[in-house]
Amino acid sequence: MSRREDLSRKDDERLLQARLAGPDITRRDLARTFHDLVTYRRGHLRTDWIR
């Protein structure tokens, strides 16, 4: 559940490959993004998250 900006370049590339391989990763990304919206009080971005 690391923030994407904290990933190494290699790990970021691996994450991209995993996303392309399976939809479960996409759901995890949605959960991570929602967590960030709540944690960092970015409620103004929730409409974009819902889309």
Protein backbone atom coordinates (compact mmCIF):
# COMPACT_ATOMS: atom_id res chain seq x y z
CA MET A 1 0.00 0.00 0.00
CA SER A 2 2.90 2.35 -0.63
CA ARG A 3 2.15 5.62 -2.31
CA ARG A 4 3.01 5.50 -5.97
CA GLU A 5 5.43 8.40 -5.69
CA ASP A 6 7.37 6.43 -3.07
CA LEU A 7 7.96 3.46 -5.37
CA SER A 8 11.27 2.91 -7.09
CA ARG A 9 11.22 3.13 -10.86
CA LYS A 10 11.56 -0.65 -11.10
CA ASP A 11 8.65 -1.24 -8.70
CA ASP A 12 6.53 1.27 -10.57
CA GLU A 13 7.17 -0.62 -13.81
CA ARG A 14 6.26 -3.91 -12.12
CA LEU A 15 3.03 -2.38 -10.83
CA LEU A 16 2.13 -1.25 -14.33
CA GLN A 17 2.71 -4.77 -15.67
CA ALA A 18 0.59 -6.24 -12.88
CA ARG A 19 -2.23 -3.79 -13.61
CA LEU A 20 -2.25 -4.83 -17.22
CA ALA A 21 -2.35 -8.50 -16.20
CA GLY A 22 -5.33 -8.42 -13.87
CA PRO A 23 -8.33 -6.36 -12.75
CA ASP A 24 -7.77 -7.10 -9.05
CA ILE A 25 -4.84 -4.72 -9.09
CA THR A 26 -7.08 -1.98 -10.44
CA ARG A 27 -9.48 -2.46 -7.52
CA ARG A 28 -6.57 -2.21 -5.12
CA ASP A 29 -5.51 1.04 -6.80
CA LEU A 30 -9.03 2.41 -6.30
CA ALA A 31 -8.86 1.50 -2.62
CA ARG A 32 -5.45 3.13 -2.27
CA THR A 33 -6.67 6.30 -3.97
CA PHE A 34 -9.74 6.43 -1.73
CA HIS A 35 -7.52 5.99 1.31
CA ASP A 36 -5.45 8.97 0.16
CA LEU A 37 -8.58 11.06 -0.37
CA VAL A 38 -9.65 10.47 3.21
CA THR A 39 -6.21 10.57 4.84
CA TYR A 40 -5.09 13.77 3.15
CA ARG A 41 -8.53 15.39 3.20
CA ARG A 42 -8.86 15.63 -0.55
CA GLY A 43 -12.62 15.31 -0.65
CA HIS A 44 -12.78 17.83 -3.46
CA LEU A 45 -11.31 15.10 -5.71
CA ARG A 46 -13.97 12.52 -4.90
CA THR A 47 -16.01 13.14 -8.07
CA ASP A 48 -12.97 12.27 -10.18
CA TRP A 49 -12.39 9.19 -8.02
CA ILE A 50 -15.98 8.04 -8.57
CA ARG A 51 -15.59 8.35 -12.35
